[in-house]
Amino acid sequence: MTGQALETFGLFSIIIMVTSYALEKRHAAFIATFAAGCVLAAIYAWLIKSYPFMIAEGIWAIIAINRWFHARRI
């Protein structure tokens, strides 16, 4: 992946995370979208070899998936 494509991928994942986080009270699907954004950000962190960021985003993804399962039951 080229430097420009990598930066675009990272920006795309952060935009997904921020937007879905802002909208997650509207529908449980936005919580799932936030989890997907966290996974994408973790992949980006792995690609740039930022392992602490990768671990943090992985943890956020797990938390968001758990919240999504609970929100669907309500």
N, C-alpha and C. Protein backbone atom coordinates (compact mmCIF):
# COMPACT_ATOMS: atom_id res chain seq x y z
N MET A 1 0.86 -1.18 0.00
CA MET A 1 0.00 0.00 0.00
C MET A 1 0.91 1.25 0.00
N THR A 2 0.61 2.19 -0.85
CA THR A 2 1.42 3.40 -0.92
C THR A 2 1.13 4.31 0.28
N GLY A 3 2.01 5.26 0.50
CA GLY A 3 1.85 6.17 1.63
C GLY A 3 0.54 6.94 1.57
N GLN A 4 0.20 7.44 0.40
CA GLN A 4 -1.05 8.21 0.25
C GLN A 4 -2.28 7.33 0.48
N ALA A 5 -2.27 6.13 -0.07
CA ALA A 5 -3.40 5.22 0.12
C ALA A 5 -3.52 4.82 1.58
N LEU A 6 -2.40 4.63 2.25
CA LEU A 6 -2.41 4.26 3.66
C LEU A 6 -2.99 5.38 4.51
N GLU A 7 -2.58 6.61 4.24
CA GLU A 7 -3.12 7.75 4.96
C GLU A 7 -4.62 7.92 4.70
N THR A 8 -5.05 7.70 3.48
CA THR A 8 -6.47 7.79 3.14
C THR A 8 -7.26 6.72 3.89
N PHE A 9 -6.72 5.52 3.96
CA PHE A 9 -7.36 4.43 4.70
C PHE A 9 -7.50 4.79 6.18
N GLY A 10 -6.45 5.33 6.77
CA GLY A 10 -6.50 5.75 8.17
C GLY A 10 -7.52 6.84 8.40
N LEU A 11 -7.55 7.82 7.52
CA LEU A 11 -8.53 8.90 7.63
C LEU A 11 -9.95 8.37 7.49
N PHE A 12 -10.17 7.48 6.54
CA PHE A 12 -11.48 6.86 6.32
C PHE A 12 -11.95 6.13 7.59
N SER A 13 -11.06 5.37 8.22
CA SER A 13 -11.46 4.63 9.42
C SER A 13 -11.80 5.57 10.56
N ILE A 14 -11.06 6.65 10.72
CA ILE A 14 -11.35 7.60 11.79
C ILE A 14 -12.66 8.35 11.53
N ILE A 15 -12.93 8.70 10.28
CA ILE A 15 -14.20 9.36 9.94
C ILE A 15 -15.37 8.45 10.26
N ILE A 16 -15.25 7.17 9.94
CA ILE A 16 -16.31 6.20 10.27
C ILE A 16 -16.51 6.14 11.78
N MET A 17 -15.43 6.06 12.53
CA MET A 17 -15.54 5.98 13.98
C MET A 17 -16.22 7.20 14.58
N VAL A 18 -15.77 8.38 14.21
CA VAL A 18 -16.30 9.62 14.80
C VAL A 18 -17.76 9.83 14.42
N THR A 19 -18.08 9.61 13.16
CA THR A 19 -19.46 9.80 12.70
C THR A 19 -20.41 8.82 13.37
N SER A 20 -20.03 7.55 13.40
CA SER A 20 -20.92 6.55 13.99
C SER A 20 -21.02 6.73 15.50
N TYR A 21 -19.95 7.18 16.16
CA TYR A 21 -20.01 7.45 17.59
C TYR A 21 -21.00 8.57 17.88
N ALA A 22 -21.00 9.59 17.04
CA ALA A 22 -21.91 10.71 17.23
C ALA A 22 -23.38 10.30 17.02
N LEU A 23 -23.61 9.28 16.20
CA LEU A 23 -24.98 8.87 15.86
C LEU A 23 -25.46 7.61 16.58
N GLU A 24 -24.63 7.03 17.45
CA GLU A 24 -24.99 5.71 17.99
C GLU A 24 -26.22 5.71 18.89
N LYS A 25 -26.65 6.84 19.42
CA LYS A 25 -27.88 6.86 20.23
C LYS A 25 -29.13 6.76 19.35
N ARG A 26 -28.97 6.98 18.06
CA ARG A 26 -30.11 6.94 17.14
C ARG A 26 -30.51 5.51 16.76
N HIS A 27 -29.54 4.62 16.67
CA HIS A 27 -29.85 3.24 16.26
C HIS A 27 -28.66 2.34 16.59
N ALA A 28 -28.96 1.10 16.92
CA ALA A 28 -27.90 0.14 17.28
C ALA A 28 -26.96 -0.14 16.11
N ALA A 29 -27.41 0.09 14.89
CA ALA A 29 -26.54 -0.14 13.73
C ALA A 29 -25.32 0.77 13.76
N PHE A 30 -25.46 1.96 14.35
CA PHE A 30 -24.31 2.86 14.43
C PHE A 30 -23.27 2.35 15.43
N ILE A 31 -23.71 1.60 16.43
CA ILE A 31 -22.76 0.98 17.36
C ILE A 31 -21.95 -0.08 16.61
N ALA A 32 -22.62 -0.87 15.78
CA ALA A 32 -21.92 -1.87 14.97
C ALA A 32 -20.98 -1.19 13.97
N THR A 33 -21.40 -0.07 13.42
CA THR A 33 -20.55 0.67 12.49
C THR A 33 -19.32 1.22 13.22
N PHE A 34 -19.52 1.68 14.45
CA PHE A 34 -18.39 2.14 15.25
C PHE A 34 -17.40 1.00 15.49
N ALA A 35 -17.91 -0.19 15.79
CA ALA A 35 -17.04 -1.35 15.98
C ALA A 35 -16.25 -1.65 14.71
N ALA A 36 -16.92 -1.57 13.57
CA ALA A 36 -16.22 -1.81 12.29
C ALA A 36 -15.15 -0.75 12.06
N GLY A 37 -15.44 0.50 12.40
CA GLY A 37 -14.44 1.56 12.28
C GLY A 37 -13.23 1.31 13.18
N CYS A 38 -13.50 0.79 14.38
CA CYS A 38 -12.40 0.45 15.29
C CYS A 38 -11.54 -0.66 14.71
N VAL A 39 -12.17 -1.65 14.10
CA VAL A 39 -11.41 -2.74 13.47
C VAL A 39 -10.56 -2.18 12.33
N LEU A 40 -11.13 -1.31 11.52
CA LEU A 40 -10.37 -0.70 10.43
C LEU A 40 -9.20 0.13 10.98
N ALA A 41 -9.43 0.85 12.07
CA ALA A 41 -8.35 1.64 12.67
C ALA A 41 -7.27 0.72 13.24
N ALA A 42 -7.66 -0.43 13.78
CA ALA A 42 -6.68 -1.39 14.28
C ALA A 42 -5.84 -1.95 13.13
N ILE A 43 -6.48 -2.21 12.01
CA ILE A 43 -5.74 -2.68 10.83
C ILE A 43 -4.77 -1.60 10.35
N TYR A 44 -5.23 -0.36 10.33
CA TYR A 44 -4.36 0.76 9.96
C TYR A 44 -3.16 0.84 10.90
N ALA A 45 -3.41 0.71 12.20
CA ALA A 45 -2.32 0.76 13.18
C ALA A 45 -1.33 -0.37 12.95
N TRP A 46 -1.83 -1.54 12.62
CA TRP A 46 -0.95 -2.67 12.33
C TRP A 46 -0.10 -2.38 11.09
N LEU A 47 -0.72 -1.79 10.07
CA LEU A 47 0.01 -1.48 8.85
C LEU A 47 1.12 -0.45 9.06
N ILE A 48 0.89 0.50 9.98
CA ILE A 48 1.92 1.50 10.25
C ILE A 48 2.81 1.08 11.43
N LYS A 49 2.59 -0.13 11.93
CA LYS A 49 3.37 -0.70 13.03
C LYS A 49 3.27 0.11 14.33
N SER A 50 2.07 0.58 14.61
CA SER A 50 1.78 1.27 15.86
C SER A 50 0.99 0.31 16.75
N TYR A 51 1.72 -0.59 17.38
CA TYR A 51 1.08 -1.68 18.11
C TYR A 51 0.28 -1.24 19.33
N PRO A 52 0.71 -0.24 20.09
CA PRO A 52 -0.16 0.21 21.20
C PRO A 52 -1.51 0.73 20.69
N PHE A 53 -1.50 1.47 19.59
CA PHE A 53 -2.74 1.97 18.99
C PHE A 53 -3.59 0.81 18.48
N MET A 54 -2.94 -0.20 17.92
CA MET A 54 -3.65 -1.38 17.43
C MET A 54 -4.36 -2.09 18.58
N ILE A 55 -3.67 -2.24 19.70
CA ILE A 55 -4.28 -2.90 20.87
C ILE A 55 -5.45 -2.08 21.40
N ALA A 56 -5.26 -0.77 21.50
CA ALA A 56 -6.33 0.10 22.01
C ALA A 56 -7.56 0.04 21.11
N GLU A 57 -7.36 0.09 19.80
CA GLU A 57 -8.50 0.02 18.88
C GLU A 57 -9.16 -1.35 18.89
N GLY A 58 -8.36 -2.39 19.07
CA GLY A 58 -8.93 -3.74 19.20
C GLY A 58 -9.81 -3.86 20.43
N ILE A 59 -9.37 -3.28 21.53
CA ILE A 59 -10.17 -3.29 22.76
C ILE A 59 -11.46 -2.51 22.56
N TRP A 60 -11.37 -1.34 21.91
CA TRP A 60 -12.57 -0.55 21.62
C TRP A 60 -13.54 -1.33 20.74
N ALA A 61 -13.02 -2.07 19.79
CA ALA A 61 -13.88 -2.87 18.91
C ALA A 61 -14.63 -3.93 19.72
N ILE A 62 -13.93 -4.59 20.62
CA ILE A 62 -14.57 -5.61 21.46
C ILE A 62 -15.65 -4.99 22.34
N ILE A 63 -15.33 -3.84 22.94
CA ILE A 63 -16.32 -3.14 23.78
C ILE A 63 -17.54 -2.75 22.95
N ALA A 64 -17.31 -2.23 21.76
CA ALA A 64 -18.43 -1.79 20.91
C ALA A 64 -19.28 -2.98 20.45
N ILE A 65 -18.66 -4.10 20.13
CA ILE A 65 -19.43 -5.29 19.73
C ILE A 65 -20.30 -5.76 20.89
N ASN A 66 -19.73 -5.74 22.10
CA ASN A 66 -20.49 -6.12 23.29
C ASN A 66 -21.67 -5.17 23.51
N ARG A 67 -21.44 -3.87 23.35
CA ARG A 67 -22.51 -2.88 23.49
C ARG A 67 -23.58 -3.07 22.42
N TRP A 68 -23.17 -3.43 21.21
CA TRP A 68 -24.12 -3.66 20.13
C TRP A 68 -25.03 -4.85 20.45
N PHE A 69 -24.44 -5.95 20.96
CA PHE A 69 -25.27 -7.11 21.33
C PHE A 69 -26.28 -6.74 22.40
N HIS A 70 -25.87 -5.96 23.38
CA HIS A 70 -26.80 -5.54 24.44
C HIS A 70 -27.84 -4.57 23.93
N ALA A 71 -27.48 -3.68 23.03
CA ALA A 71 -28.43 -2.70 22.50
C ALA A 71 -29.49 -3.36 21.62
N ARG A 72 -29.14 -4.45 20.97
CA ARG A 72 -30.10 -5.15 20.12
C ARG A 72 -31.17 -5.85 20.96
N ARG A 73 -30.83 -6.24 22.17
CA ARG A 73 -31.80 -6.93 23.03
C ARG A 73 -32.84 -6.01 23.63
N ILE A 74 -32.52 -4.73 23.72
CA ILE A 74 -33.44 -3.77 24.37
C ILE A 74 -34.60 -3.43 23.46
